[in-house]
Amino acid sequence: MFPKRRIRSKTPFEYAVRVLSRRDFFESEMRSKIAEHFGEDAADETIAKLKDYGYINDENARKNLIASRMRSGYGSFRIKEELREKGVDDNVTDFDDIADERYIDRKELLRSMVAKYMETKRAKSPYELKQKCIAHFYRKGYSCNEIVAIIDSMESEQ
């Protein structure tokens, strides 16, 4: 096993700020990172200080994660599961509000991804291609009804 990587920061706060400069972390994630290197007491003090300065905000980190995953092509079920794994509120009812705030058109995004998938994949029959497409986007976290509705609307346009 590899030895633990030596950290360059001398204080827990300096370490936390350096880590937060790369991306947003949830409070629980940051607490475990700090505790790993500096101990639980230092983690509690540092988290309190980070919250006072506004460097850690779970709600903003949650919104940023949801928007990022939406832009990456993941559906609400997959995003909800990722939030649950991180121990964060996984309320799906505000996904549309977050998409509107960040100017993300979820239906158009899914439509373009489905169109691209249908153009690039090969199958023996149109039915098999449709089934492959449904399975692919279902694994990405979209509901079957959303996918089928998009495919049907695309077929009716042709």
C-alpha atoms as a PDB file:
ATOM      1  CA  MET A   1       0.000   0.000   0.000  1.00  0.00           C
ATOM      2  CA  PHE A   2       1.185   3.509  -0.788  1.00  0.00           C
ATOM      3  CA  PRO A   3       2.039   5.891   2.036  1.00  0.00           C
ATOM      4  CA  LYS A   4      -0.353   8.774   2.599  1.00  0.00           C
ATOM      5  CA  ARG A   5       0.483  11.744   0.435  1.00  0.00           C
ATOM      6  CA  ARG A   6       2.221  14.506   2.336  1.00  0.00           C
ATOM      7  CA  ILE A   7       0.194  17.687   2.470  1.00  0.00           C
ATOM      8  CA  ARG A   8       1.799  21.062   1.930  1.00  0.00           C
ATOM      9  CA  SER A   9      -0.510  23.053   4.198  1.00  0.00           C
ATOM     10  CA  LYS A  10       0.573  23.863   7.715  1.00  0.00           C
ATOM     11  CA  THR A  11      -2.853  24.664   9.146  1.00  0.00           C
ATOM     12  CA  PRO A  12      -6.214  22.960   8.651  1.00  0.00           C
ATOM     13  CA  PHE A  13      -7.756  26.211   7.413  1.00  0.00           C
ATOM     14  CA  GLU A  14      -5.034  26.693   4.798  1.00  0.00           C
ATOM     15  CA  TYR A  15      -5.532  23.088   3.672  1.00  0.00           C
ATOM     16  CA  ALA A  16      -9.305  23.524   3.445  1.00  0.00           C
ATOM     17  CA  VAL A  17      -9.065  26.716   1.413  1.00  0.00           C
ATOM     18  CA  ARG A  18      -6.592  25.095  -0.970  1.00  0.00           C
ATOM     19  CA  VAL A  19      -8.891  22.115  -1.443  1.00  0.00           C
ATOM     20  CA  LEU A  20     -11.971  24.327  -1.866  1.00  0.00           C
ATOM     21  CA  SER A  21     -10.194  26.340  -4.540  1.00  0.00           C
ATOM     22  CA  ARG A  22     -10.491  23.353  -6.874  1.00  0.00           C
ATOM     23  CA  ARG A  23     -14.206  22.588  -6.439  1.00  0.00           C
ATOM     24  CA  ASP A  24     -17.136  22.820  -4.042  1.00  0.00           C
ATOM     25  CA  PHE A  25     -17.304  20.279  -1.255  1.00  0.00           C
ATOM     26  CA  PHE A  26     -20.162  19.436   1.037  1.00  0.00           C
ATOM     27  CA  GLU A  27     -19.609  19.991   4.737  1.00  0.00           C
ATOM     28  CA  SER A  28     -19.461  16.255   5.459  1.00  0.00           C
ATOM     29  CA  GLU A  29     -16.865  15.697   2.723  1.00  0.00           C
ATOM     30  CA  MET A  30     -14.696  18.565   3.907  1.00  0.00           C
ATOM     31  CA  ARG A  31     -14.959  17.465   7.537  1.00  0.00           C
ATOM     32  CA  SER A  32     -13.666  13.984   6.676  1.00  0.00           C
ATOM     33  CA  LYS A  33     -10.822  15.412   4.543  1.00  0.00           C
ATOM     34  CA  ILE A  34      -9.651  17.721   7.326  1.00  0.00           C
ATOM     35  CA  ALA A  35     -10.079  15.086  10.044  1.00  0.00           C
ATOM     36  CA  GLU A  36      -7.990  12.636   8.010  1.00  0.00           C
ATOM     37  CA  HIS A  37      -4.968  14.942   8.168  1.00  0.00           C
ATOM     38  CA  PHE A  38      -5.460  17.088  11.266  1.00  0.00           C
ATOM     39  CA  GLY A  39      -7.935  15.304  13.583  1.00  0.00           C
ATOM     40  CA  GLU A  40     -11.583  15.739  14.596  1.00  0.00           C
ATOM     41  CA  ASP A  41     -11.120  18.790  16.845  1.00  0.00           C
ATOM     42  CA  ALA A  42      -9.293  20.733  14.165  1.00  0.00           C
ATOM     43  CA  ALA A  43     -11.959  19.706  11.657  1.00  0.00           C
ATOM     44  CA  ASP A  44     -14.775  21.091  13.822  1.00  0.00           C
ATOM     45  CA  GLU A  45     -13.003  24.419  14.340  1.00  0.00           C
ATOM     46  CA  THR A  46     -12.081  24.738  10.681  1.00  0.00           C
ATOM     47  CA  ILE A  47     -15.592  23.907   9.446  1.00  0.00           C
ATOM     48  CA  ALA A  48     -17.041  26.568  11.743  1.00  0.00           C
ATOM     49  CA  LYS A  49     -14.555  29.119  10.402  1.00  0.00           C
ATOM     50  CA  LEU A  50     -15.258  28.135   6.781  1.00  0.00           C
ATOM     51  CA  LYS A  51     -18.997  28.540   7.362  1.00  0.00           C
ATOM     52  CA  ASP A  52     -18.464  31.979   8.931  1.00  0.00           C
ATOM     53  CA  TYR A  53     -16.542  33.111   5.861  1.00  0.00           C
ATOM     54  CA  GLY A  54     -19.149  31.567   3.574  1.00  0.00           C
ATOM     55  CA  TYR A  55     -16.693  29.190   1.930  1.00  0.00           C
ATOM     56  CA  ILE A  56     -18.875  26.148   2.637  1.00  0.00           C
ATOM     57  CA  ASN A  57     -22.533  26.210   1.744  1.00  0.00           C
ATOM     58  CA  ASP A  58     -24.209  22.844   1.232  1.00  0.00           C
ATOM     59  CA  GLU A  59     -27.162  24.324  -0.654  1.00  0.00           C
ATOM     60  CA  ASN A  60     -24.948  26.082  -3.205  1.00  0.00           C
ATOM     61  CA  ALA A  61     -22.767  22.987  -3.585  1.00  0.00           C
ATOM     62  CA  ARG A  62     -25.917  20.905  -4.104  1.00  0.00           C
ATOM     63  CA  LYS A  63     -27.235  23.264  -6.794  1.00  0.00           C
ATOM     64  CA  ASN A  64     -23.849  23.348  -8.534  1.00  0.00           C
ATOM     65  CA  LEU A  65     -23.621  19.544  -8.519  1.00  0.00           C
ATOM     66  CA  ILE A  66     -27.145  19.156  -9.913  1.00  0.00           C
ATOM     67  CA  ALA A  67     -26.551  21.713 -12.680  1.00  0.00           C
ATOM     68  CA  SER A  68     -23.201  20.167 -13.571  1.00  0.00           C
ATOM     69  CA  ARG A  69     -24.655  16.679 -13.816  1.00  0.00           C
ATOM     70  CA  MET A  70     -27.601  17.916 -15.885  1.00  0.00           C
ATOM     71  CA  ARG A  71     -25.205  19.529 -18.367  1.00  0.00           C
ATOM     72  CA  SER A  72     -23.222  16.283 -18.452  1.00  0.00           C
ATOM     73  CA  GLY A  73     -26.319  14.438 -19.618  1.00  0.00           C
ATOM     74  CA  TYR A  74     -27.460  12.681 -16.465  1.00  0.00           C
ATOM     75  CA  GLY A  75     -31.101  12.317 -15.504  1.00  0.00           C
ATOM     76  CA  SER A  76     -32.771  13.164 -12.244  1.00  0.00           C
ATOM     77  CA  PHE A  77     -32.748   9.595 -10.895  1.00  0.00           C
ATOM     78  CA  ARG A  78     -28.987   9.276 -11.302  1.00  0.00           C
ATOM     79  CA  ILE A  79     -28.372  12.708  -9.784  1.00  0.00           C
ATOM     80  CA  LYS A  80     -30.676  11.909  -6.873  1.00  0.00           C
ATOM     81  CA  GLU A  81     -28.749   8.711  -6.175  1.00  0.00           C
ATOM     82  CA  GLU A  82     -25.420  10.549  -6.256  1.00  0.00           C
ATOM     83  CA  LEU A  83     -26.746  13.105  -3.773  1.00  0.00           C
ATOM     84  CA  ARG A  84     -27.967  10.316  -1.523  1.00  0.00           C
ATOM     85  CA  GLU A  85     -24.507   8.699  -1.593  1.00  0.00           C
ATOM     86  CA  LYS A  86     -22.977  11.997  -0.507  1.00  0.00           C
ATOM     87  CA  GLY A  87     -25.474  12.285   2.359  1.00  0.00           C
ATOM     88  CA  VAL A  88     -27.178  15.404   1.012  1.00  0.00           C
ATOM     89  CA  ASP A  89     -30.859  16.320   0.687  1.00  0.00           C
ATOM     90  CA  ASP A  90     -32.005  14.641  -2.512  1.00  0.00           C
ATOM     91  CA  ASN A  91     -35.244  16.549  -3.040  1.00  0.00           C
ATOM     92  CA  VAL A  92     -36.073  16.090  -6.720  1.00  0.00           C
ATOM     93  CA  THR A  93     -38.924  18.582  -6.803  1.00  0.00           C
ATOM     94  CA  ASP A  94     -36.615  21.560  -7.306  1.00  0.00           C
ATOM     95  CA  PHE A  95     -34.621  20.133 -10.237  1.00  0.00           C
ATOM     96  CA  ASP A  96     -36.727  22.167 -12.684  1.00  0.00           C
ATOM     97  CA  ASP A  97     -36.167  25.341 -10.652  1.00  0.00           C
ATOM     98  CA  ILE A  98     -32.409  24.764 -10.648  1.00  0.00           C
ATOM     99  CA  ALA A  99     -32.477  24.089 -14.405  1.00  0.00           C
ATOM    100  CA  ASP A 100     -34.368  27.361 -14.955  1.00  0.00           C
ATOM    101  CA  GLU A 101     -31.924  29.295 -12.743  1.00  0.00           C
ATOM    102  CA  ARG A 102     -28.957  27.963 -14.723  1.00  0.00           C
ATOM    103  CA  TYR A 103     -30.663  28.253 -18.133  1.00  0.00           C
ATOM    104  CA  ILE A 104     -30.680  24.533 -18.814  1.00  0.00           C
ATOM    105  CA  ASP A 105     -33.413  23.213 -21.104  1.00  0.00           C
ATOM    106  CA  ARG A 106     -33.613  19.611 -19.927  1.00  0.00           C
ATOM    107  CA  LYS A 107     -35.952  18.403 -22.668  1.00  0.00           C
ATOM    108  CA  GLU A 108     -33.910  19.949 -25.462  1.00  0.00           C
ATOM    109  CA  LEU A 109     -30.722  18.564 -23.956  1.00  0.00           C
ATOM    110  CA  LEU A 110     -32.212  15.057 -23.833  1.00  0.00           C
ATOM    111  CA  ARG A 111     -33.594  15.462 -27.360  1.00  0.00           C
ATOM    112  CA  SER A 112     -30.167  16.361 -28.771  1.00  0.00           C
ATOM    113  CA  MET A 113     -28.464  13.495 -26.918  1.00  0.00           C
ATOM    114  CA  VAL A 114     -31.063  10.994 -28.155  1.00  0.00           C
ATOM    115  CA  ALA A 115     -30.727  12.275 -31.724  1.00  0.00           C
ATOM    116  CA  LYS A 116     -26.960  11.969 -31.591  1.00  0.00           C
ATOM    117  CA  TYR A 117     -27.196   8.471 -30.090  1.00  0.00           C
ATOM    118  CA  MET A 118     -29.652   7.322 -32.770  1.00  0.00           C
ATOM    119  CA  GLU A 119     -27.408   8.652 -35.549  1.00  0.00           C
ATOM    120  CA  THR A 120     -24.205   7.054 -34.310  1.00  0.00           C
ATOM    121  CA  LYS A 121     -25.393   3.618 -33.174  1.00  0.00           C
ATOM    122  CA  ARG A 122     -26.033   0.726 -35.464  1.00  0.00           C
ATOM    123  CA  ALA A 123     -28.672  -1.945 -34.976  1.00  0.00           C
ATOM    124  CA  LYS A 124     -30.297  -4.690 -37.006  1.00  0.00           C
ATOM    125  CA  SER A 125     -33.715  -3.068 -36.869  1.00  0.00           C
ATOM    126  CA  PRO A 126     -35.282   0.239 -35.836  1.00  0.00           C
ATOM    127  CA  TYR A 127     -36.955  -1.538 -32.922  1.00  0.00           C
ATOM    128  CA  GLU A 128     -33.596  -2.823 -31.631  1.00  0.00           C
ATOM    129  CA  LEU A 129     -32.085   0.664 -31.977  1.00  0.00           C
ATOM    130  CA  LYS A 130     -34.971   2.136 -30.008  1.00  0.00           C
ATOM    131  CA  GLN A 131     -34.523  -0.463 -27.248  1.00  0.00           C
ATOM    132  CA  LYS A 132     -30.790   0.204 -27.064  1.00  0.00           C
ATOM    133  CA  CYS A 133     -31.438   3.937 -26.828  1.00  0.00           C
ATOM    134  CA  ILE A 134     -33.996   3.497 -24.051  1.00  0.00           C
ATOM    135  CA  ALA A 135     -31.636   1.240 -22.103  1.00  0.00           C
ATOM    136  CA  HIS A 136     -28.715   3.654 -22.530  1.00  0.00           C
ATOM    137  CA  PHE A 137     -30.571   6.701 -21.253  1.00  0.00           C
ATOM    138  CA  TYR A 138     -32.292   4.719 -18.516  1.00  0.00           C
ATOM    139  CA  ARG A 139     -28.816   3.896 -17.166  1.00  0.00           C
ATOM    140  CA  LYS A 140     -28.015   7.606 -17.278  1.00  0.00           C
ATOM    141  CA  GLY A 141     -30.948   8.268 -14.932  1.00  0.00           C
ATOM    142  CA  TYR A 142     -33.842   9.238 -17.178  1.00  0.00           C
ATOM    143  CA  SER A 143     -37.290   7.703 -16.844  1.00  0.00           C
ATOM    144  CA  CYS A 144     -38.503   5.387 -19.597  1.00  0.00           C
ATOM    145  CA  ASN A 145     -41.507   7.646 -20.200  1.00  0.00           C
ATOM    146  CA  GLU A 146     -39.266  10.666 -20.893  1.00  0.00           C
ATOM    147  CA  ILE A 147     -37.112   8.712 -23.313  1.00  0.00           C
ATOM    148  CA  VAL A 148     -40.000   7.089 -25.172  1.00  0.00           C
ATOM    149  CA  ALA A 149     -41.782  10.455 -25.485  1.00  0.00           C
ATOM    150  CA  ILE A 150     -38.668  12.028 -27.034  1.00  0.00           C
ATOM    151  CA  ILE A 151     -38.146   9.112 -29.435  1.00  0.00           C
ATOM    152  CA  ASP A 152     -41.806   9.101 -30.459  1.00  0.00           C
ATOM    153  CA  SER A 153     -41.797  12.854 -31.093  1.00  0.00           C
ATOM    154  CA  MET A 154     -38.649  12.485 -33.188  1.00  0.00           C
ATOM    155  CA  GLU A 155     -40.226   9.644 -35.204  1.00  0.00           C
ATOM    156  CA  SER A 156     -43.409  11.644 -35.802  1.00  0.00           C
ATOM    157  CA  GLU A 157     -41.346  14.578 -37.119  1.00  0.00           C
ATOM    158  CA  GLN A 158     -39.691  12.416 -39.783  1.00  0.00           C
END
